[in-house]
Amino acid sequence: MLQWTLTHPLRVAIASGIPLLPVLYYWPVRDEIREFQAELGKAGAPASETHPELAAVARRLAQQGAVPEPAVYVADRRRPESYAVGGRSSGTVIVTTGLVNRLSAGELEAVLAHELSHLANGDSRIMNLVLVPMLVAEHVGSDDPPSRKLLVSQPLAYLARLVLWALLTVVTTGQRLCCQFGIAVLSRGREFAADRGAAELTGAPSDLASAL
């Protein structure tokens, strides 16, 4: 006799149908992404306190681009990195001390303009549209196959779970690969768009090229 509980995704799928699984995982995955972005946004110290010149450049670029001024933080890491989180109206740009120490003033301005363009274009939210289903697929497809102990006590239940597990594995693997491809293509396109936006804001595409 099959014993049903709602503690295991595979059992939920048998009772409710496979299409319900992405719905069950969507909200936790979305919350994970938001928490991760929130942590990124808190990285480092405000540039207005440690590097006021960077905050001033970001303010000027935002005024030029007619977009809200982003919060700028400087993270104490040697690796030269920069990234933007959030959206157009409440964005944050993070740069590392390794980047600040390595680049010239013109190159730093180009990097800030590049990240500001990402915020203005809403790239973070756009990428989430592809990232969420990929993470959902990873969560749904992360279950182990049914235990062989069940084969002895409940062979029909074991067979049902094995077939469902195999089906979920195939479907989620395909979804994950498609999402990875989509992220790669979309990311490349958004980077080119941010490059164009930075060149227009600074009027010095050579600075961006040398910074990259």
N, C-alpha and C. Protein backbone atom coordinates (compact mmCIF):
# COMPACT_ATOMS: atom_id res chain seq x y z
N MET A 1 0.86 -1.20 0.00
CA MET A 1 0.00 0.00 0.00
C MET A 1 0.89 1.24 0.00
N LEU A 2 0.58 2.19 -0.88
CA LEU A 2 1.38 3.40 -0.98
C LEU A 2 1.07 4.32 0.20
N GLN A 3 2.12 4.89 0.78
CA GLN A 3 1.96 5.83 1.88
C GLN A 3 2.29 7.22 1.36
N TRP A 4 1.33 8.14 1.45
CA TRP A 4 1.51 9.46 0.86
C TRP A 4 1.76 10.50 1.95
N THR A 5 2.75 11.34 1.71
CA THR A 5 2.96 12.52 2.54
C THR A 5 3.30 13.67 1.62
N LEU A 6 3.29 14.88 2.13
CA LEU A 6 3.62 16.05 1.33
C LEU A 6 5.02 16.55 1.63
N THR A 7 5.86 15.66 2.16
CA THR A 7 7.21 16.08 2.55
C THR A 7 8.23 15.84 1.46
N HIS A 8 7.86 15.17 0.41
CA HIS A 8 8.82 14.85 -0.63
C HIS A 8 8.26 15.28 -1.98
N PRO A 9 9.03 16.03 -2.79
CA PRO A 9 8.52 16.53 -4.06
C PRO A 9 8.00 15.44 -4.99
N LEU A 10 8.64 14.29 -5.01
CA LEU A 10 8.19 13.24 -5.91
C LEU A 10 6.79 12.76 -5.54
N ARG A 11 6.52 12.68 -4.25
CA ARG A 11 5.20 12.24 -3.83
C ARG A 11 4.15 13.31 -4.13
N VAL A 12 4.54 14.56 -4.00
CA VAL A 12 3.63 15.64 -4.35
C VAL A 12 3.30 15.57 -5.84
N ALA A 13 4.32 15.25 -6.65
CA ALA A 13 4.10 15.18 -8.09
C ALA A 13 3.11 14.08 -8.44
N ILE A 14 3.23 12.94 -7.78
CA ILE A 14 2.32 11.83 -8.06
C ILE A 14 0.89 12.24 -7.71
N ALA A 15 0.72 12.96 -6.62
CA ALA A 15 -0.62 13.34 -6.18
C ALA A 15 -1.17 14.52 -6.96
N SER A 16 -0.33 15.46 -7.33
CA SER A 16 -0.81 16.72 -7.88
C SER A 16 -0.45 16.93 -9.33
N GLY A 17 0.47 16.15 -9.84
CA GLY A 17 0.89 16.32 -11.22
C GLY A 17 2.21 17.04 -11.30
N ILE A 18 3.04 16.64 -12.25
CA ILE A 18 4.37 17.23 -12.41
C ILE A 18 4.32 18.74 -12.60
N PRO A 19 3.32 19.31 -13.33
CA PRO A 19 3.33 20.76 -13.53
C PRO A 19 3.30 21.57 -12.24
N LEU A 20 2.87 20.96 -11.12
CA LEU A 20 2.82 21.70 -9.87
C LEU A 20 4.19 21.92 -9.26
N LEU A 21 5.16 21.08 -9.60
CA LEU A 21 6.48 21.17 -8.97
C LEU A 21 7.16 22.52 -9.19
N PRO A 22 7.21 23.06 -10.43
CA PRO A 22 7.84 24.38 -10.59
C PRO A 22 7.17 25.45 -9.74
N VAL A 23 5.84 25.34 -9.56
CA VAL A 23 5.13 26.32 -8.74
C VAL A 23 5.58 26.22 -7.29
N LEU A 24 5.75 24.98 -6.79
CA LEU A 24 6.18 24.78 -5.41
C LEU A 24 7.57 25.37 -5.16
N TYR A 25 8.42 25.29 -6.16
CA TYR A 25 9.81 25.74 -5.99
C TYR A 25 10.02 27.19 -6.38
N TYR A 26 9.08 27.80 -7.12
CA TYR A 26 9.31 29.13 -7.67
C TYR A 26 9.58 30.17 -6.57
N TRP A 27 8.70 30.21 -5.58
CA TRP A 27 8.83 31.25 -4.56
C TRP A 27 10.09 31.11 -3.72
N PRO A 28 10.45 29.90 -3.25
CA PRO A 28 11.72 29.77 -2.52
C PRO A 28 12.93 30.19 -3.36
N VAL A 29 12.94 29.82 -4.64
CA VAL A 29 14.06 30.18 -5.51
C VAL A 29 14.12 31.69 -5.70
N ARG A 30 12.97 32.31 -5.94
CA ARG A 30 12.95 33.75 -6.12
C ARG A 30 13.45 34.46 -4.86
N ASP A 31 13.04 33.95 -3.70
CA ASP A 31 13.50 34.55 -2.44
C ASP A 31 15.00 34.37 -2.25
N GLU A 32 15.53 33.22 -2.67
CA GLU A 32 16.98 32.98 -2.58
C GLU A 32 17.74 34.01 -3.41
N ILE A 33 17.26 34.27 -4.63
CA ILE A 33 17.92 35.24 -5.50
C ILE A 33 17.88 36.63 -4.88
N ARG A 34 16.73 37.00 -4.34
CA ARG A 34 16.60 38.32 -3.72
C ARG A 34 17.52 38.46 -2.51
N GLU A 35 17.61 37.42 -1.70
CA GLU A 35 18.49 37.47 -0.53
C GLU A 35 19.95 37.58 -0.96
N PHE A 36 20.32 36.83 -2.01
CA PHE A 36 21.68 36.89 -2.52
C PHE A 36 22.01 38.28 -3.03
N GLN A 37 21.08 38.87 -3.79
CA GLN A 37 21.31 40.21 -4.32
C GLN A 37 21.37 41.24 -3.19
N ALA A 38 20.55 41.03 -2.16
CA ALA A 38 20.59 41.95 -1.02
C ALA A 38 21.94 41.90 -0.32
N GLU A 39 22.49 40.69 -0.19
CA GLU A 39 23.81 40.55 0.43
C GLU A 39 24.88 41.19 -0.42
N LEU A 40 24.78 41.03 -1.75
CA LEU A 40 25.74 41.67 -2.64
C LEU A 40 25.66 43.18 -2.50
N GLY A 41 24.44 43.68 -2.39
CA GLY A 41 24.25 45.12 -2.28
C GLY A 41 24.81 45.72 -1.01
N LYS A 42 25.02 44.89 0.02
CA LYS A 42 25.56 45.37 1.28
C LYS A 42 27.07 45.19 1.36
N ALA A 43 27.67 44.65 0.30
CA ALA A 43 29.10 44.36 0.33
C ALA A 43 29.91 45.65 0.39
N GLY A 44 30.91 45.67 1.26
CA GLY A 44 31.82 46.79 1.29
C GLY A 44 31.28 48.00 2.03
N ALA A 45 31.99 49.11 1.86
CA ALA A 45 31.64 50.36 2.52
C ALA A 45 31.11 51.35 1.50
N PRO A 46 30.24 52.28 1.91
CA PRO A 46 29.74 53.29 0.97
C PRO A 46 30.88 54.10 0.37
N ALA A 47 30.85 54.25 -0.94
CA ALA A 47 31.90 55.02 -1.60
C ALA A 47 31.91 56.47 -1.14
N SER A 48 30.75 56.97 -0.73
CA SER A 48 30.68 58.36 -0.27
C SER A 48 31.55 58.59 0.96
N GLU A 49 31.87 57.50 1.70
CA GLU A 49 32.70 57.62 2.89
C GLU A 49 34.16 57.31 2.62
N THR A 50 34.42 56.32 1.76
CA THR A 50 35.80 55.88 1.54
C THR A 50 36.40 56.41 0.24
N HIS A 51 35.58 56.56 -0.78
CA HIS A 51 36.04 57.06 -2.08
C HIS A 51 35.02 58.05 -2.62
N PRO A 52 34.94 59.24 -2.03
CA PRO A 52 33.92 60.21 -2.45
C PRO A 52 33.99 60.59 -3.92
N GLU A 53 35.18 60.48 -4.50
CA GLU A 53 35.30 60.82 -5.93
C GLU A 53 34.50 59.85 -6.79
N LEU A 54 34.43 58.58 -6.39
CA LEU A 54 33.64 57.60 -7.14
C LEU A 54 32.15 57.92 -7.02
N ALA A 55 31.72 58.26 -5.82
CA ALA A 55 30.32 58.61 -5.62
C ALA A 55 29.95 59.84 -6.45
N ALA A 56 30.87 60.79 -6.53
CA ALA A 56 30.62 62.00 -7.31
C ALA A 56 30.51 61.68 -8.80
N VAL A 57 31.36 60.79 -9.29
CA VAL A 57 31.31 60.39 -10.70
C VAL A 57 29.99 59.68 -11.00
N ALA A 58 29.59 58.78 -10.11
CA ALA A 58 28.33 58.06 -10.31
C ALA A 58 27.15 59.02 -10.32
N ARG A 59 27.19 60.02 -9.46
CA ARG A 59 26.12 61.02 -9.41
C ARG A 59 26.06 61.80 -10.72
N ARG A 60 27.21 62.20 -11.22
CA ARG A 60 27.25 62.97 -12.47
C ARG A 60 26.77 62.13 -13.65
N LEU A 61 27.21 60.87 -13.71
CA LEU A 61 26.78 60.00 -14.81
C LEU A 61 25.28 59.75 -14.76
N ALA A 62 24.74 59.59 -13.56
CA ALA A 62 23.30 59.38 -13.43
C ALA A 62 22.53 60.61 -13.91
N GLN A 63 23.04 61.78 -13.60
CA GLN A 63 22.39 63.01 -14.06
C GLN A 63 22.46 63.11 -15.58
N GLN A 64 23.61 62.74 -16.15
CA GLN A 64 23.75 62.77 -17.60
C GLN A 64 22.77 61.81 -18.27
N GLY A 65 22.61 60.65 -17.68
CA GLY A 65 21.74 59.64 -18.26
C GLY A 65 20.29 59.78 -17.86
N ALA A 66 19.98 60.78 -17.02
CA ALA A 66 18.61 61.01 -16.56
C ALA A 66 18.03 59.78 -15.88
N VAL A 67 18.85 59.16 -15.02
CA VAL A 67 18.40 57.99 -14.25
C VAL A 67 18.68 58.26 -12.77
N PRO A 68 17.98 57.56 -11.87
CA PRO A 68 18.24 57.75 -10.44
C PRO A 68 19.69 57.41 -10.08
N GLU A 69 20.24 58.16 -9.15
CA GLU A 69 21.62 57.90 -8.72
C GLU A 69 21.69 56.58 -7.96
N PRO A 70 22.61 55.69 -8.35
CA PRO A 70 22.72 54.42 -7.63
C PRO A 70 23.56 54.57 -6.36
N ALA A 71 23.38 53.66 -5.43
CA ALA A 71 24.29 53.58 -4.29
C ALA A 71 25.57 52.91 -4.78
N VAL A 72 26.71 53.42 -4.36
CA VAL A 72 28.00 52.87 -4.78
C VAL A 72 28.75 52.38 -3.54
N TYR A 73 29.20 51.14 -3.60
CA TYR A 73 29.94 50.54 -2.49
C TYR A 73 31.30 50.06 -3.00
N VAL A 74 32.29 50.11 -2.11
CA VAL A 74 33.63 49.62 -2.43
C VAL A 74 33.93 48.44 -1.51
N ALA A 75 34.09 47.27 -2.11
CA ALA A 75 34.38 46.05 -1.35
C ALA A 75 35.89 45.85 -1.26
N ASP A 76 36.35 45.47 -0.09
CA ASP A 76 37.79 45.30 0.14
C ASP A 76 38.24 43.92 -0.36
N ARG A 77 38.44 43.82 -1.65
CA ARG A 77 38.93 42.58 -2.27
C ARG A 77 39.97 42.94 -3.31
N ARG A 78 41.00 42.10 -3.41
CA ARG A 78 42.10 42.39 -4.34
C ARG A 78 41.72 42.12 -5.79
N ARG A 79 40.81 41.19 -6.00
CA ARG A 79 40.43 40.87 -7.37
C ARG A 79 39.65 42.04 -7.98
N PRO A 80 40.06 42.51 -9.17
CA PRO A 80 39.35 43.64 -9.79
C PRO A 80 37.99 43.21 -10.33
N GLU A 81 36.93 43.69 -9.70
CA GLU A 81 35.57 43.31 -10.09
C GLU A 81 34.63 44.50 -9.95
N SER A 82 33.56 44.45 -10.72
CA SER A 82 32.47 45.41 -10.57
C SER A 82 31.19 44.72 -10.98
N TYR A 83 30.09 45.07 -10.33
CA TYR A 83 28.81 44.51 -10.71
C TYR A 83 27.70 45.41 -10.19
N ALA A 84 26.54 45.24 -10.77
CA ALA A 84 25.37 46.04 -10.40
C ALA A 84 24.25 45.10 -9.98
N VAL A 85 23.52 45.48 -8.94
CA VAL A 85 22.36 44.71 -8.49
C VAL A 85 21.19 45.67 -8.33
N GLY A 86 19.99 45.12 -8.43
CA GLY A 86 18.81 45.95 -8.30
C GLY A 86 18.33 46.43 -9.66
N GLY A 87 17.47 47.41 -9.64
CA GLY A 87 16.87 47.92 -10.86
C GLY A 87 17.15 49.39 -11.08
N ARG A 88 16.42 49.95 -12.02
CA ARG A 88 16.64 51.33 -12.43
C ARG A 88 16.41 52.32 -11.28
N SER A 89 15.38 52.07 -10.48
CA SER A 89 15.02 53.04 -9.45
C SER A 89 15.73 52.83 -8.12
N SER A 90 16.27 51.64 -7.89
CA SER A 90 16.91 51.35 -6.60
C SER A 90 18.12 50.44 -6.81
N GLY A 91 19.04 50.90 -7.62
CA GLY A 91 20.20 50.08 -7.97
C GLY A 91 21.40 50.35 -7.08
N THR A 92 22.30 49.37 -7.08
CA THR A 92 23.55 49.47 -6.34
C THR A 92 24.69 49.01 -7.23
N VAL A 93 25.77 49.76 -7.22
CA VAL A 93 26.98 49.39 -7.96
C VAL A 93 28.07 49.07 -6.94
N ILE A 94 28.71 47.93 -7.12
CA ILE A 94 29.79 47.52 -6.23
C ILE A 94 31.08 47.40 -7.04
N VAL A 95 32.13 48.02 -6.56
CA VAL A 95 33.46 47.87 -7.15
C VAL A 95 34.40 47.42 -6.04
N THR A 96 35.47 46.75 -6.42
CA THR A 96 36.43 46.27 -5.42
C THR A 96 37.63 47.21 -5.34
N THR A 97 38.33 47.14 -4.22
CA THR A 97 39.53 47.96 -4.07
C THR A 97 40.58 47.56 -5.10
N GLY A 98 40.60 46.29 -5.49
CA GLY A 98 41.52 45.85 -6.52
C GLY A 98 41.28 46.56 -7.83
N LEU A 99 40.01 46.81 -8.15
CA LEU A 99 39.67 47.53 -9.37
C LEU A 99 40.04 49.00 -9.25
N VAL A 100 39.71 49.59 -8.11
CA VAL A 100 39.99 51.01 -7.90
C VAL A 100 41.49 51.29 -7.96
N ASN A 101 42.29 50.41 -7.40
CA ASN A 101 43.73 50.62 -7.37
C ASN A 101 44.40 50.37 -8.71
N ARG A 102 43.75 49.61 -9.57
CA ARG A 102 44.37 49.22 -10.83
C ARG A 102 44.04 50.18 -11.97
N LEU A 103 42.85 50.75 -11.97
CA LEU A 103 42.40 51.54 -13.12
C LEU A 103 42.65 53.03 -12.93
N SER A 104 42.74 53.71 -14.07
CA SER A 104 42.87 55.17 -14.05
C SER A 104 41.50 55.79 -13.78
N ALA A 105 41.49 57.10 -13.57
CA ALA A 105 40.23 57.79 -13.30
C ALA A 105 39.26 57.65 -14.47
N GLY A 106 39.79 57.78 -15.69
CA GLY A 106 38.94 57.64 -16.87
C GLY A 106 38.38 56.24 -17.02
N GLU A 107 39.21 55.24 -16.72
CA GLU A 107 38.75 53.85 -16.81
C GLU A 107 37.70 53.55 -15.75
N LEU A 108 37.88 54.08 -14.54
CA LEU A 108 36.89 53.88 -13.49
C LEU A 108 35.56 54.53 -13.86
N GLU A 109 35.63 55.69 -14.47
CA GLU A 109 34.40 56.34 -14.92
C GLU A 109 33.69 55.48 -15.95
N ALA A 110 34.45 54.88 -16.85
CA ALA A 110 33.86 54.02 -17.88
C ALA A 110 33.21 52.79 -17.25
N VAL A 111 33.86 52.23 -16.23
CA VAL A 111 33.30 51.05 -15.54
C VAL A 111 32.00 51.42 -14.83
N LEU A 112 31.99 52.56 -14.15
CA LEU A 112 30.77 53.01 -13.47
C LEU A 112 29.65 53.26 -14.48
N ALA A 113 30.01 53.83 -15.62
CA ALA A 113 29.01 54.08 -16.66
C ALA A 113 28.46 52.76 -17.21
N HIS A 114 29.32 51.78 -17.33
CA HIS A 114 28.90 50.45 -17.80
C HIS A 114 27.89 49.84 -16.82
N GLU A 115 28.20 49.87 -15.53
CA GLU A 115 27.30 49.29 -14.54
C GLU A 115 26.01 50.10 -14.43
N LEU A 116 26.12 51.41 -14.56
CA LEU A 116 24.92 52.26 -14.53
C LEU A 116 24.01 51.94 -15.72
N SER A 117 24.60 51.62 -16.86
CA SER A 117 23.81 51.24 -18.03
C SER A 117 23.07 49.94 -17.77
N HIS A 118 23.71 49.00 -17.07
CA HIS A 118 23.02 47.76 -16.70
C HIS A 118 21.77 48.07 -15.87
N LEU A 119 21.92 48.98 -14.91
CA LEU A 119 20.78 49.34 -14.06
C LEU A 119 19.70 50.03 -14.87
N ALA A 120 20.10 50.97 -15.74
CA ALA A 120 19.14 51.71 -16.55
C ALA A 120 18.36 50.78 -17.48
N ASN A 121 19.03 49.73 -17.97
CA ASN A 121 18.39 48.79 -18.89
C ASN A 121 17.59 47.71 -18.18
N GLY A 122 17.65 47.68 -16.84
CA GLY A 122 16.92 46.66 -16.10
C GLY A 122 17.47 45.26 -16.31
N ASP A 123 18.78 45.17 -16.53
CA ASP A 123 19.37 43.87 -16.87
C ASP A 123 19.27 42.85 -15.74
N SER A 124 19.34 43.31 -14.50
CA SER A 124 19.26 42.37 -13.38
C SER A 124 17.92 41.64 -13.38
N ARG A 125 16.84 42.37 -13.59
CA ARG A 125 15.52 41.74 -13.62
C ARG A 125 15.35 40.86 -14.85
N ILE A 126 15.92 41.31 -15.97
CA ILE A 126 15.82 40.51 -17.19
C ILE A 126 16.53 39.17 -17.01
N MET A 127 17.73 39.20 -16.41
CA MET A 127 18.47 37.96 -16.21
C MET A 127 17.75 37.04 -15.23
N ASN A 128 17.04 37.62 -14.28
CA ASN A 128 16.30 36.79 -13.33
C ASN A 128 15.21 35.98 -14.01
N LEU A 129 14.65 36.52 -15.10
CA LEU A 129 13.61 35.80 -15.83
C LEU A 129 14.13 34.47 -16.35
N VAL A 130 15.42 34.42 -16.65
CA VAL A 130 16.02 33.17 -17.13
C VAL A 130 16.64 32.39 -15.98
N LEU A 131 17.17 33.11 -15.00
CA LEU A 131 17.84 32.44 -13.88
C LEU A 131 16.86 31.67 -13.00
N VAL A 132 15.68 32.22 -12.77
CA VAL A 132 14.71 31.56 -11.89
C VAL A 132 14.33 30.18 -12.41
N PRO A 133 13.89 30.04 -13.68
CA PRO A 133 13.55 28.68 -14.13
C PRO A 133 14.72 27.71 -14.12
N MET A 134 15.96 28.21 -14.31
CA MET A 134 17.11 27.32 -14.25
C MET A 134 17.30 26.79 -12.83
N LEU A 135 17.18 27.67 -11.84
CA LEU A 135 17.34 27.24 -10.45
C LEU A 135 16.18 26.34 -10.02
N VAL A 136 14.99 26.62 -10.53
CA VAL A 136 13.86 25.74 -10.25
C VAL A 136 14.15 24.35 -10.77
N ALA A 137 14.68 24.27 -12.00
CA ALA A 137 15.02 22.97 -12.59
C ALA A 137 16.07 22.25 -11.75
N GLU A 138 17.05 23.00 -11.24
CA GLU A 138 18.08 22.38 -10.41
C GLU A 138 17.49 21.84 -9.11
N HIS A 139 16.58 22.59 -8.52
CA HIS A 139 15.95 22.14 -7.27
C HIS A 139 15.10 20.90 -7.52
N VAL A 140 14.26 20.96 -8.56
CA VAL A 140 13.36 19.84 -8.84
C VAL A 140 14.15 18.59 -9.21
N GLY A 141 15.24 18.78 -9.96
CA GLY A 141 16.02 17.64 -10.44
C GLY A 141 17.10 17.17 -9.50
N SER A 142 17.12 17.70 -8.28
CA SER A 142 18.20 17.35 -7.35
C SER A 142 17.88 16.13 -6.49
N ASP A 143 16.70 15.56 -6.64
CA ASP A 143 16.32 14.42 -5.80
C ASP A 143 17.08 13.16 -6.22
N ASP A 144 17.37 12.33 -5.25
CA ASP A 144 18.01 11.04 -5.51
C ASP A 144 16.98 10.04 -6.00
N PRO A 145 17.43 9.01 -6.72
CA PRO A 145 16.49 7.96 -7.14
C PRO A 145 15.91 7.25 -5.92
N PRO A 146 14.76 6.61 -6.06
CA PRO A 146 14.15 5.92 -4.92
C PRO A 146 15.05 4.82 -4.38
N SER A 147 14.96 4.58 -3.09
CA SER A 147 15.78 3.56 -2.44
C SER A 147 15.39 2.16 -2.92
N ARG A 148 16.41 1.33 -3.12
CA ARG A 148 16.14 -0.05 -3.55
C ARG A 148 15.45 -0.87 -2.46
N LYS A 149 15.50 -0.40 -1.23
CA LYS A 149 14.80 -1.10 -0.16
C LYS A 149 13.30 -1.15 -0.43
N LEU A 150 12.82 -0.11 -1.12
CA LEU A 150 11.39 -0.06 -1.43
C LEU A 150 11.01 -1.13 -2.44
N LEU A 151 11.99 -1.58 -3.24
CA LEU A 151 11.71 -2.59 -4.26
C LEU A 151 11.23 -3.89 -3.63
N VAL A 152 11.73 -4.19 -2.46
CA VAL A 152 11.36 -5.44 -1.79
C VAL A 152 9.98 -5.33 -1.14
N SER A 153 9.78 -4.22 -0.43
CA SER A 153 8.53 -4.08 0.33
C SER A 153 7.36 -3.59 -0.52
N GLN A 154 7.64 -2.67 -1.46
CA GLN A 154 6.57 -2.10 -2.29
C GLN A 154 7.06 -1.95 -3.72
N PRO A 155 7.12 -3.03 -4.48
CA PRO A 155 7.68 -2.98 -5.83
C PRO A 155 6.95 -2.03 -6.76
N LEU A 156 5.62 -1.97 -6.67
CA LEU A 156 4.87 -1.07 -7.55
C LEU A 156 5.16 0.39 -7.22
N ALA A 157 5.24 0.69 -5.94
CA ALA A 157 5.57 2.06 -5.53
C ALA A 157 6.98 2.42 -5.99
N TYR A 158 7.91 1.46 -5.87
CA TYR A 158 9.29 1.71 -6.32
C TYR A 158 9.33 1.99 -7.81
N LEU A 159 8.61 1.20 -8.59
CA LEU A 159 8.60 1.38 -10.04
C LEU A 159 8.01 2.73 -10.41
N ALA A 160 6.91 3.11 -9.74
CA ALA A 160 6.28 4.40 -10.04
C ALA A 160 7.23 5.55 -9.74
N ARG A 161 7.90 5.48 -8.61
CA ARG A 161 8.82 6.55 -8.23
C ARG A 161 10.05 6.58 -9.14
N LEU A 162 10.51 5.41 -9.56
CA LEU A 162 11.67 5.35 -10.45
C LEU A 162 11.34 5.98 -11.79
N VAL A 163 10.17 5.65 -12.34
CA VAL A 163 9.76 6.23 -13.63
C VAL A 163 9.60 7.74 -13.51
N LEU A 164 8.97 8.19 -12.43
CA LEU A 164 8.78 9.62 -12.23
C LEU A 164 10.11 10.33 -12.04
N TRP A 165 11.00 9.72 -11.26
CA TRP A 165 12.33 10.31 -11.05
C TRP A 165 13.08 10.44 -12.38
N ALA A 166 13.03 9.39 -13.21
CA ALA A 166 13.71 9.43 -14.51
C ALA A 166 13.11 10.51 -15.40
N LEU A 167 11.78 10.61 -15.40
CA LEU A 167 11.11 11.63 -16.22
C LEU A 167 11.49 13.03 -15.77
N LEU A 168 11.46 13.25 -14.46
CA LEU A 168 11.84 14.56 -13.93
C LEU A 168 13.29 14.90 -14.25
N THR A 169 14.16 13.91 -14.17
CA THR A 169 15.57 14.14 -14.46
C THR A 169 15.78 14.58 -15.90
N VAL A 170 15.10 13.90 -16.82
CA VAL A 170 15.22 14.24 -18.24
C VAL A 170 14.68 15.65 -18.50
N VAL A 171 13.49 15.93 -17.98
CA VAL A 171 12.85 17.22 -18.22
C VAL A 171 13.65 18.37 -17.61
N THR A 172 14.06 18.21 -16.36
CA THR A 172 14.78 19.29 -15.69
C THR A 172 16.18 19.49 -16.26
N THR A 173 16.81 18.41 -16.70
CA THR A 173 18.13 18.56 -17.34
C THR A 173 18.00 19.35 -18.63
N GLY A 174 16.99 19.03 -19.42
CA GLY A 174 16.76 19.78 -20.66
C GLY A 174 16.46 21.24 -20.38
N GLN A 175 15.63 21.49 -19.38
CA GLN A 175 15.29 22.87 -19.03
C GLN A 175 16.52 23.63 -18.55
N ARG A 176 17.33 22.97 -17.74
CA ARG A 176 18.53 23.63 -17.21
C ARG A 176 19.50 23.98 -18.33
N LEU A 177 19.72 23.06 -19.27
CA LEU A 177 20.63 23.32 -20.38
C LEU A 177 20.12 24.45 -21.26
N CYS A 178 18.81 24.46 -21.52
CA CYS A 178 18.23 25.53 -22.33
C CYS A 178 18.40 26.88 -21.64
N CYS A 179 18.19 26.90 -20.32
CA CYS A 179 18.34 28.14 -19.57
C CYS A 179 19.79 28.61 -19.56
N GLN A 180 20.72 27.68 -19.43
CA GLN A 180 22.14 28.05 -19.44
C GLN A 180 22.52 28.67 -20.78
N PHE A 181 22.01 28.08 -21.85
CA PHE A 181 22.28 28.64 -23.18
C PHE A 181 21.65 30.03 -23.30
N GLY A 182 20.41 30.15 -22.82
CA GLY A 182 19.74 31.44 -22.88
C GLY A 182 20.46 32.51 -22.08
N ILE A 183 20.96 32.13 -20.91
CA ILE A 183 21.70 33.08 -20.08
C ILE A 183 22.97 33.54 -20.78
N ALA A 184 23.67 32.60 -21.41
CA ALA A 184 24.92 32.95 -22.11
C ALA A 184 24.65 33.93 -23.25
N VAL A 185 23.61 33.63 -24.05
CA VAL A 185 23.27 34.50 -25.18
C VAL A 185 22.78 35.86 -24.69
N LEU A 186 21.87 35.83 -23.72
CA LEU A 186 21.29 37.07 -23.21
C LEU A 186 22.34 37.92 -22.52
N SER A 187 23.22 37.28 -21.76
CA SER A 187 24.25 38.02 -21.04
C SER A 187 25.18 38.74 -22.01
N ARG A 188 25.53 38.05 -23.08
CA ARG A 188 26.41 38.67 -24.08
C ARG A 188 25.75 39.90 -24.70
N GLY A 189 24.46 39.76 -25.02
CA GLY A 189 23.74 40.88 -25.60
C GLY A 189 23.62 42.05 -24.64
N ARG A 190 23.35 41.76 -23.36
CA ARG A 190 23.22 42.84 -22.38
C ARG A 190 24.55 43.52 -22.12
N GLU A 191 25.65 42.76 -22.20
CA GLU A 191 26.97 43.36 -22.01
C GLU A 191 27.28 44.33 -23.15
N PHE A 192 26.96 43.94 -24.38
CA PHE A 192 27.18 44.83 -25.52
C PHE A 192 26.35 46.11 -25.36
N ALA A 193 25.10 45.95 -24.91
CA ALA A 193 24.23 47.11 -24.72
C ALA A 193 24.80 48.04 -23.64
N ALA A 194 25.32 47.45 -22.56
CA ALA A 194 25.91 48.26 -21.49
C ALA A 194 27.18 48.95 -21.98
N ASP A 195 27.94 48.27 -22.83
CA ASP A 195 29.14 48.89 -23.41
C ASP A 195 28.76 50.12 -24.24
N ARG A 196 27.72 49.98 -25.04
CA ARG A 196 27.28 51.12 -25.87
C ARG A 196 26.80 52.27 -24.98
N GLY A 197 26.05 51.93 -23.93
CA GLY A 197 25.57 52.97 -23.03
C GLY A 197 26.71 53.68 -22.33
N ALA A 198 27.73 52.94 -21.92
CA ALA A 198 28.88 53.55 -21.25
C ALA A 198 29.64 54.46 -22.20
N ALA A 199 29.80 54.03 -23.44
CA ALA A 199 30.51 54.85 -24.42
C ALA A 199 29.76 56.16 -24.68
N GLU A 200 28.44 56.09 -24.71
CA GLU A 200 27.64 57.30 -24.93
C GLU A 200 27.72 58.24 -23.73
N LEU A 201 27.71 57.67 -22.53
CA LEU A 201 27.75 58.50 -21.33
C LEU A 201 29.09 59.21 -21.16
N THR A 202 30.17 58.47 -21.39
CA THR A 202 31.50 59.03 -21.14
C THR A 202 32.08 59.73 -22.36
N GLY A 203 31.65 59.32 -23.55
CA GLY A 203 32.25 59.87 -24.77
C GLY A 203 33.67 59.40 -24.98
N ALA A 204 34.06 58.34 -24.26
CA ALA A 204 35.44 57.83 -24.36
C ALA A 204 35.41 56.31 -24.39
N PRO A 205 35.02 55.72 -25.52
CA PRO A 205 34.98 54.26 -25.61
C PRO A 205 36.33 53.60 -25.39
N SER A 206 37.41 54.33 -25.65
CA SER A 206 38.74 53.75 -25.47
C SER A 206 39.02 53.45 -24.00
N ASP A 207 38.48 54.29 -23.10
CA ASP A 207 38.68 54.04 -21.66
C ASP A 207 38.00 52.75 -21.24
N LEU A 208 36.80 52.51 -21.77
CA LEU A 208 36.10 51.27 -21.43
C LEU A 208 36.84 50.08 -21.99
N ALA A 209 37.34 50.20 -23.22
CA ALA A 209 38.08 49.10 -23.84
C ALA A 209 39.32 48.75 -23.03
N SER A 210 40.04 49.75 -22.56
CA SER A 210 41.26 49.48 -21.79
C SER A 210 40.92 48.94 -20.41
N ALA A 211 39.78 49.37 -19.84
CA ALA A 211 39.38 48.86 -18.52
C ALA A 211 39.00 47.40 -18.60
N LEU A 212 38.36 47.02 -19.70
CA LEU A 212 37.96 45.62 -19.86
C LEU A 212 39.16 44.74 -20.15
